[in-house]
C-alpha atoms as a PDB file:
ATOM      1  CA  UNK A   1     -36.826 142.271 145.159  1.00  0.00           C
ATOM      2  CA  UNK A   2     -33.806 139.371 146.721  1.00  0.00           C
ATOM      3  CA  UNK A   3     -31.582 138.231 143.801  1.00  0.00           C
ATOM      4  CA  UNK A   4     -33.017 134.835 143.501  1.00  0.00           C
ATOM      5  CA  UNK A   5     -36.887 135.575 143.509  1.00  0.00           C
ATOM      6  CA  UNK A   6     -37.794 134.061 146.690  1.00  0.00           C
ATOM      7  CA  UNK A   7     -41.294 132.477 147.103  1.00  0.00           C
ATOM      8  CA  UNK A   8     -44.185 133.890 148.444  1.00  0.00           C
ATOM      9  CA  UNK A   9     -46.923 132.650 150.543  1.00  0.00           C
ATOM     10  CA  UNK A  10     -50.645 132.511 150.365  1.00  0.00           C
ATOM     11  CA  UNK A  11     -52.139 136.218 151.222  1.00  0.00           C
ATOM     12  CA  UNK A  12     -48.636 137.729 150.038  1.00  0.00           C
ATOM     13  CA  UNK A  13     -47.077 138.133 153.196  1.00  0.00           C
ATOM     14  CA  UNK A  14     -45.881 135.667 156.074  1.00  0.00           C
ATOM     15  CA  UNK A  15     -44.546 136.013 159.648  1.00  0.00           C
ATOM     16  CA  UNK A  16     -42.331 133.461 161.446  1.00  0.00           C
ATOM     17  CA  UNK A  17     -43.371 131.399 163.808  1.00  0.00           C
ATOM     18  CA  UNK A  18     -41.029 130.453 166.411  1.00  0.00           C
ATOM     19  CA  UNK A  19     -41.431 127.350 169.143  1.00  0.00           C
ATOM     20  CA  UNK A  20     -39.272 128.470 172.847  1.00  0.00           C
ATOM     21  CA  UNK A  21     -37.459 125.515 172.536  1.00  0.00           C
ATOM     22  CA  UNK A  22     -34.835 126.066 169.921  1.00  0.00           C
ATOM     23  CA  UNK A  23     -35.861 128.198 167.019  1.00  0.00           C
ATOM     24  CA  UNK A  24     -34.070 131.192 166.476  1.00  0.00           C
ATOM     25  CA  UNK A  25     -32.577 133.562 163.290  1.00  0.00           C
ATOM     26  CA  UNK A  26     -29.372 134.509 163.487  1.00  0.00           C
ATOM     27  CA  UNK A  27     -28.420 137.748 161.613  1.00  0.00           C
ATOM     28  CA  UNK A  28     -24.826 137.787 162.291  1.00  0.00           C
ATOM     29  CA  UNK A  29     -22.566 141.126 162.480  1.00  0.00           C
ATOM     30  CA  UNK A  30     -25.468 144.027 161.516  1.00  0.00           C
ATOM     31  CA  UNK A  31     -22.511 146.528 162.562  1.00  0.00           C
ATOM     32  CA  UNK A  32     -22.432 149.713 164.317  1.00  0.00           C
ATOM     33  CA  UNK A  33     -24.516 153.341 164.955  1.00  0.00           C
ATOM     34  CA  UNK A  34     -28.122 151.011 166.077  1.00  0.00           C
ATOM     35  CA  UNK A  35     -30.475 153.158 167.857  1.00  0.00           C
ATOM     36  CA  UNK A  36     -34.018 151.829 166.816  1.00  0.00           C
ATOM     37  CA  UNK A  37     -34.919 148.517 166.889  1.00  0.00           C
ATOM     38  CA  UNK A  38     -38.679 147.592 166.085  1.00  0.00           C
ATOM     39  CA  UNK A  39     -40.375 144.803 165.275  1.00  0.00           C
ATOM     40  CA  UNK A  40     -44.684 143.366 165.283  1.00  0.00           C
ATOM     41  CA  UNK A  41     -44.757 140.378 167.885  1.00  0.00           C
ATOM     42  CA  UNK A  42     -47.621 137.685 168.950  1.00  0.00           C
ATOM     43  CA  UNK A  43     -45.899 136.422 172.541  1.00  0.00           C
ATOM     44  CA  UNK A  44     -47.692 133.389 173.476  1.00  0.00           C
ATOM     45  CA  UNK A  45     -46.542 133.840 176.991  1.00  0.00           C
ATOM     46  CA  UNK A  46     -46.569 136.812 179.082  1.00  0.00           C
ATOM     47  CA  UNK A  47     -42.731 135.727 179.831  1.00  0.00           C
ATOM     48  CA  UNK A  48     -40.528 135.395 176.515  1.00  0.00           C
ATOM     49  CA  UNK A  49     -37.429 136.679 174.611  1.00  0.00           C
ATOM     50  CA  UNK A  50     -37.238 138.812 171.853  1.00  0.00           C
ATOM     51  CA  UNK A  51     -33.396 139.438 170.582  1.00  0.00           C
ATOM     52  CA  UNK A  52     -30.213 139.696 171.324  1.00  0.00           C
ATOM     53  CA  UNK A  53     -28.165 142.243 169.683  1.00  0.00           C
ATOM     54  CA  UNK A  54     -24.251 141.729 170.803  1.00  0.00           C
ATOM     55  CA  UNK A  55     -24.481 139.114 173.378  1.00  0.00           C
ATOM     56  CA  UNK A  56     -25.272 141.586 176.319  1.00  0.00           C
ATOM     57  CA  UNK A  57     -28.171 144.215 174.875  1.00  0.00           C
ATOM     58  CA  UNK A  58     -31.019 142.510 174.684  1.00  0.00           C
ATOM     59  CA  UNK A  59     -35.084 143.025 175.071  1.00  0.00           C
ATOM     60  CA  UNK A  60     -37.008 140.542 177.247  1.00  0.00           C
ATOM     61  CA  UNK A  61     -40.233 140.663 178.639  1.00  0.00           C
ATOM     62  CA  UNK A  62     -40.925 139.409 182.082  1.00  0.00           C
ATOM     63  CA  UNK A  63     -44.719 138.939 183.373  1.00  0.00           C
ATOM     64  CA  UNK A  64     -45.570 140.924 180.947  1.00  0.00           C
ATOM     65  CA  UNK A  65     -43.065 143.973 181.385  1.00  0.00           C
ATOM     66  CA  UNK A  66     -40.405 144.388 178.402  1.00  0.00           C
ATOM     67  CA  UNK A  67     -37.028 145.236 179.524  1.00  0.00           C
ATOM     68  CA  UNK A  68     -34.452 147.045 177.084  1.00  0.00           C
ATOM     69  CA  UNK A  69     -31.551 145.454 178.965  1.00  0.00           C
ATOM     70  CA  UNK A  70     -27.915 147.323 178.373  1.00  0.00           C
ATOM     71  CA  UNK A  71     -29.605 150.166 176.231  1.00  0.00           C
ATOM     72  CA  UNK A  72     -28.719 153.444 177.545  1.00  0.00           C
ATOM     73  CA  UNK A  73     -31.493 155.643 178.295  1.00  0.00           C
ATOM     74  CA  UNK A  74     -33.815 153.511 175.905  1.00  0.00           C
ATOM     75  CA  UNK A  75     -37.302 154.419 175.629  1.00  0.00           C
ATOM     76  CA  UNK A  76     -39.873 151.563 174.951  1.00  0.00           C
ATOM     77  CA  UNK A  77     -43.298 152.027 172.374  1.00  0.00           C
ATOM     78  CA  UNK A  78     -45.708 149.284 172.224  1.00  0.00           C
ATOM     79  CA  UNK A  79     -48.240 150.152 169.738  1.00  0.00           C
ATOM     80  CA  UNK A  80     -46.953 153.670 169.302  1.00  0.00           C
ATOM     81  CA  UNK A  81     -47.333 154.326 172.576  1.00  0.00           C
ATOM     82  CA  UNK A  82     -44.329 154.984 175.368  1.00  0.00           C
ATOM     83  CA  UNK A  83     -45.470 152.035 177.432  1.00  0.00           C
ATOM     84  CA  UNK A  84     -43.421 148.730 178.763  1.00  0.00           C
ATOM     85  CA  UNK A  85     -46.475 146.776 179.010  1.00  0.00           C
ATOM     86  CA  UNK A  86     -47.310 144.005 176.685  1.00  0.00           C
ATOM     87  CA  UNK A  87     -50.365 141.211 175.900  1.00  0.00           C
ATOM     88  CA  UNK A  88     -49.710 137.831 175.282  1.00  0.00           C
ATOM     89  CA  UNK A  89     -51.575 136.362 173.084  1.00  0.00           C
ATOM     90  CA  UNK A  90     -52.082 139.585 170.430  1.00  0.00           C
ATOM     91  CA  UNK A  91     -50.069 140.989 167.938  1.00  0.00           C
ATOM     92  CA  UNK A  92     -48.037 144.591 168.905  1.00  0.00           C
ATOM     93  CA  UNK A  93     -45.589 146.829 167.368  1.00  0.00           C
ATOM     94  CA  UNK A  94     -42.781 147.161 169.387  1.00  0.00           C
ATOM     95  CA  UNK A  95     -40.021 149.623 169.260  1.00  0.00           C
ATOM     96  CA  UNK A  96     -36.988 150.250 171.350  1.00  0.00           C
ATOM     97  CA  UNK A  97     -35.247 153.845 170.680  1.00  0.00           C
ATOM     98  CA  UNK A  98     -32.027 155.217 172.134  1.00  0.00           C
ATOM     99  CA  UNK A  99     -29.672 158.219 171.256  1.00  0.00           C
ATOM    100  CA  UNK A 100     -26.835 155.947 172.783  1.00  0.00           C
ATOM    101  CA  UNK A 101     -25.709 153.935 169.511  1.00  0.00           C
ATOM    102  CA  UNK A 102     -25.503 150.243 169.700  1.00  0.00           C
ATOM    103  CA  UNK A 103     -23.220 147.683 168.044  1.00  0.00           C
ATOM    104  CA  UNK A 104     -24.988 144.753 166.515  1.00  0.00           C
ATOM    105  CA  UNK A 105     -21.995 142.894 166.508  1.00  0.00           C
ATOM    106  CA  UNK A 106     -24.382 139.081 166.755  1.00  0.00           C
ATOM    107  CA  UNK A 107     -27.735 139.607 166.473  1.00  0.00           C
ATOM    108  CA  UNK A 108     -29.939 136.938 166.769  1.00  0.00           C
ATOM    109  CA  UNK A 109     -34.029 137.149 166.822  1.00  0.00           C
ATOM    110  CA  UNK A 110     -35.603 134.748 168.927  1.00  0.00           C
ATOM    111  CA  UNK A 111     -33.108 134.059 171.729  1.00  0.00           C
ATOM    112  CA  UNK A 112     -31.565 135.549 174.291  1.00  0.00           C
ATOM    113  CA  UNK A 113     -28.461 133.447 175.874  1.00  0.00           C
ATOM    114  CA  UNK A 114     -30.026 129.632 175.992  1.00  0.00           C
ATOM    115  CA  UNK A 115     -33.642 131.399 176.321  1.00  0.00           C
ATOM    116  CA  UNK A 116     -35.935 130.684 173.491  1.00  0.00           C
ATOM    117  CA  UNK A 117     -39.216 133.016 172.468  1.00  0.00           C
ATOM    118  CA  UNK A 118     -42.515 132.009 171.638  1.00  0.00           C
ATOM    119  CA  UNK A 119     -44.934 133.124 169.655  1.00  0.00           C
ATOM    120  CA  UNK A 120     -44.441 134.625 165.534  1.00  0.00           C
ATOM    121  CA  UNK A 121     -42.558 137.427 164.582  1.00  0.00           C
ATOM    122  CA  UNK A 122     -43.213 139.589 161.594  1.00  0.00           C
ATOM    123  CA  UNK A 123     -41.234 142.979 160.232  1.00  0.00           C
ATOM    124  CA  UNK A 124     -37.707 143.067 161.916  1.00  0.00           C
ATOM    125  CA  UNK A 125     -35.849 146.672 161.538  1.00  0.00           C
ATOM    126  CA  UNK A 126     -32.275 147.649 163.213  1.00  0.00           C
ATOM    127  CA  UNK A 127     -31.929 151.494 162.254  1.00  0.00           C
ATOM    128  CA  UNK A 128     -29.281 153.918 162.988  1.00  0.00           C
ATOM    129  CA  UNK A 129     -31.418 156.614 163.330  1.00  0.00           C
ATOM    130  CA  UNK A 130     -34.101 157.574 166.364  1.00  0.00           C
ATOM    131  CA  UNK A 131     -37.316 156.407 164.076  1.00  0.00           C
ATOM    132  CA  UNK A 132     -39.578 157.999 167.277  1.00  0.00           C
ATOM    133  CA  UNK A 133     -39.309 160.619 169.649  1.00  0.00           C
ATOM    134  CA  UNK A 134     -42.857 161.064 170.326  1.00  0.00           C
ATOM    135  CA  UNK A 135     -45.994 158.617 170.016  1.00  0.00           C
ATOM    136  CA  UNK A 136     -46.717 157.320 167.055  1.00  0.00           C
ATOM    137  CA  UNK A 137     -49.347 155.656 165.049  1.00  0.00           C
ATOM    138  CA  UNK A 138     -47.645 151.738 164.528  1.00  0.00           C
ATOM    139  CA  UNK A 139     -47.243 151.124 160.864  1.00  0.00           C
ATOM    140  CA  UNK A 140     -49.211 148.089 159.504  1.00  0.00           C
ATOM    141  CA  UNK A 141     -47.677 148.048 156.123  1.00  0.00           C
ATOM    142  CA  UNK A 142     -44.196 146.408 155.580  1.00  0.00           C
ATOM    143  CA  UNK A 143     -41.040 148.852 156.028  1.00  0.00           C
ATOM    144  CA  UNK A 144     -39.689 150.265 153.256  1.00  0.00           C
ATOM    145  CA  UNK A 145     -35.621 150.446 153.406  1.00  0.00           C
ATOM    146  CA  UNK A 146     -34.142 153.893 153.592  1.00  0.00           C
ATOM    147  CA  UNK A 147     -30.627 154.993 153.619  1.00  0.00           C
ATOM    148  CA  UNK A 148     -31.026 154.351 158.051  1.00  0.00           C
ATOM    149  CA  UNK A 149     -31.548 150.990 157.548  1.00  0.00           C
ATOM    150  CA  UNK A 150     -29.080 148.115 158.456  1.00  0.00           C
ATOM    151  CA  UNK A 151     -31.076 145.226 159.198  1.00  0.00           C
ATOM    152  CA  UNK A 152     -34.632 144.739 157.759  1.00  0.00           C
ATOM    153  CA  UNK A 153     -36.462 141.048 157.448  1.00  0.00           C
ATOM    154  CA  UNK A 154     -39.883 140.843 156.246  1.00  0.00           C
ATOM    155  CA  UNK A 155     -40.122 136.993 156.723  1.00  0.00           C
ATOM    156  CA  UNK A 156     -41.915 136.420 153.494  1.00  0.00           C
ATOM    157  CA  UNK A 157     -40.097 133.998 151.847  1.00  0.00           C
ATOM    158  CA  UNK A 158     -40.327 130.433 151.650  1.00  0.00           C
ATOM    159  CA  UNK A 159     -37.558 128.735 154.429  1.00  0.00           C
ATOM    160  CA  UNK A 160     -37.704 125.412 152.478  1.00  0.00           C
ATOM    161  CA  UNK A 161     -37.311 127.363 148.941  1.00  0.00           C
ATOM    162  CA  UNK A 162     -33.797 125.412 147.532  1.00  0.00           C
ATOM    163  CA  UNK A 163     -32.581 128.896 146.165  1.00  0.00           C
ATOM    164  CA  UNK A 164     -32.310 130.604 149.844  1.00  0.00           C
ATOM    165  CA  UNK A 165     -33.175 127.583 151.956  1.00  0.00           C
ATOM    166  CA  UNK A 166     -33.056 128.275 155.443  1.00  0.00           C
ATOM    167  CA  UNK A 167     -32.856 131.985 155.137  1.00  0.00           C
ATOM    168  CA  UNK A 168     -34.760 135.101 155.662  1.00  0.00           C
ATOM    169  CA  UNK A 169     -33.530 137.676 153.910  1.00  0.00           C
ATOM    170  CA  UNK A 170     -32.468 141.336 154.711  1.00  0.00           C
ATOM    171  CA  UNK A 171     -34.122 143.935 152.277  1.00  0.00           C
ATOM    172  CA  UNK A 172     -32.067 146.666 153.958  1.00  0.00           C
ATOM    173  CA  UNK A 173     -29.568 146.183 151.070  1.00  0.00           C
ATOM    174  CA  UNK A 174     -26.820 145.521 153.176  1.00  0.00           C
ATOM    175  CA  UNK A 175     -27.122 141.156 153.288  1.00  0.00           C
ATOM    176  CA  UNK A 176     -27.343 140.741 156.380  1.00  0.00           C
ATOM    177  CA  UNK A 177     -29.225 137.419 155.400  1.00  0.00           C
ATOM    178  CA  UNK A 178     -30.298 135.099 158.701  1.00  0.00           C
ATOM    179  CA  UNK A 179     -30.210 131.843 159.151  1.00  0.00           C
ATOM    180  CA  UNK A 180     -32.914 130.373 159.915  1.00  0.00           C
ATOM    181  CA  UNK A 181     -32.918 127.650 162.459  1.00  0.00           C
ATOM    182  CA  UNK A 182     -35.985 125.939 163.673  1.00  0.00           C
ATOM    183  CA  UNK A 183     -38.530 128.725 162.646  1.00  0.00           C
ATOM    184  CA  UNK A 184     -41.458 128.438 160.258  1.00  0.00           C
ATOM    185  CA  UNK A 185     -42.521 130.530 158.040  1.00  0.00           C
ATOM    186  CA  UNK A 186     -46.811 130.899 158.593  1.00  0.00           C
ATOM    187  CA  UNK A 187     -49.314 132.768 156.865  1.00  0.00           C
ATOM    188  CA  UNK A 188     -50.675 136.140 157.659  1.00  0.00           C
ATOM    189  CA  UNK A 189     -50.027 140.210 157.415  1.00  0.00           C
ATOM    190  CA  UNK A 190     -48.038 142.594 158.848  1.00  0.00           C
ATOM    191  CA  UNK A 191     -49.417 143.169 162.890  1.00  0.00           C
ATOM    192  CA  UNK A 192     -52.844 141.783 161.376  1.00  0.00           C
ATOM    193  CA  UNK A 193     -55.522 140.515 163.445  1.00  0.00           C
ATOM    194  CA  UNK A 194     -54.057 137.089 164.820  1.00  0.00           C
ATOM    195  CA  UNK A 195     -56.427 134.031 164.056  1.00  0.00           C
ATOM    196  CA  UNK A 196     -55.956 130.072 163.612  1.00  0.00           C
ATOM    197  CA  UNK A 197     -54.869 130.470 159.916  1.00  0.00           C
ATOM    198  CA  UNK A 198     -51.495 132.406 160.983  1.00  0.00           C
ATOM    199  CA  UNK A 199     -51.164 129.274 163.291  1.00  0.00           C
ATOM    200  CA  UNK A 200     -51.392 126.995 160.355  1.00  0.00           C
ATOM    201  CA  UNK A 201     -48.226 126.441 158.243  1.00  0.00           C
ATOM    202  CA  UNK A 202     -48.762 128.317 155.231  1.00  0.00           C
ATOM    203  CA  UNK A 203     -49.077 127.035 152.079  1.00  0.00           C
ATOM    204  CA  UNK A 204     -46.765 128.869 148.446  1.00  0.00           C
ATOM    205  CA  UNK A 205     -49.239 130.074 145.719  1.00  0.00           C
ATOM    206  CA  UNK A 206     -50.049 128.343 142.565  1.00  0.00           C
ATOM    207  CA  UNK A 207     -52.061 129.310 140.015  1.00  0.00           C
ATOM    208  CA  UNK A 208     -52.401 127.181 136.945  1.00  0.00           C
ATOM    209  CA  UNK A 209     -54.435 128.927 134.220  1.00  0.00           C
ATOM    210  CA  UNK A 210     -55.885 126.640 131.618  1.00  0.00           C
ATOM    211  CA  UNK A 211     -55.306 128.663 127.690  1.00  0.00           C
ATOM    212  CA  UNK A 212     -57.327 127.146 124.702  1.00  0.00           C
ATOM    213  CA  UNK A 213     -54.466 126.120 122.907  1.00  0.00           C
ATOM    214  CA  UNK A 214     -54.272 123.639 126.512  1.00  0.00           C
ATOM    215  CA  UNK A 215     -52.288 123.517 130.059  1.00  0.00           C
ATOM    216  CA  UNK A 216     -50.378 126.249 131.130  1.00  0.00           C
ATOM    217  CA  UNK A 217     -47.489 125.662 133.695  1.00  0.00           C
ATOM    218  CA  UNK A 218     -48.140 126.325 136.714  1.00  0.00           C
ATOM    219  CA  UNK A 219     -47.041 129.699 138.007  1.00  0.00           C
ATOM    220  CA  UNK A 220     -45.377 130.975 141.004  1.00  0.00           C
ATOM    221  CA  UNK A 221     -45.614 134.232 143.131  1.00  0.00           C
ATOM    222  CA  UNK A 222     -42.526 135.913 143.174  1.00  0.00           C
ATOM    223  CA  UNK A 223     -40.750 138.629 146.198  1.00  0.00           C
ATOM    224  CA  UNK A 224     -41.941 141.586 145.404  1.00  0.00           C
ATOM    225  CA  UNK A 225     -40.142 144.885 145.879  1.00  0.00           C
END
């Protein structure tokens, strides 16, 4: 649970939308020992810029081919299969795994140098362990933090919540909350079939119940554990 109880969006989950021009999330110094970087992504273009760990180690895609730049001996998995091919206009789970640890001293999501990501992103997790060593079934439920989790961004918070203005809450327990620049929350489930609803700003769910004695005050859903 977030310390302040960040507001959740309709459908109880959401993703973050990046415009490809200036939107990104700055997670800062996440720490050392990173061996797995993974996220759900819906790129709007075949050439795109997913994230940057330290100004050198980056994950990008050119003409539908993912590159783990300056990772040593990395394996790229797309939807649980070892491949570097990814499709624009569809949700995919991407995982980059390496046995050579990387320091994420200046982690940014949605920005690589002066280039920006265009699309939707969800469930970003950085781990200090090799989570995948062969083909696997891509997880479609929100990640749950464990001892190996260094950064975990669910992108389920309301960025306009005055208690967490402009923040993406880090659920790893390490306090690496991301600062959002420009990116907007949209409704949707973790990596599930895209539709027009995912591209519209989601509304906060407010439940109003009428008691026999009179009207109750509206209740806003809070962030779950």
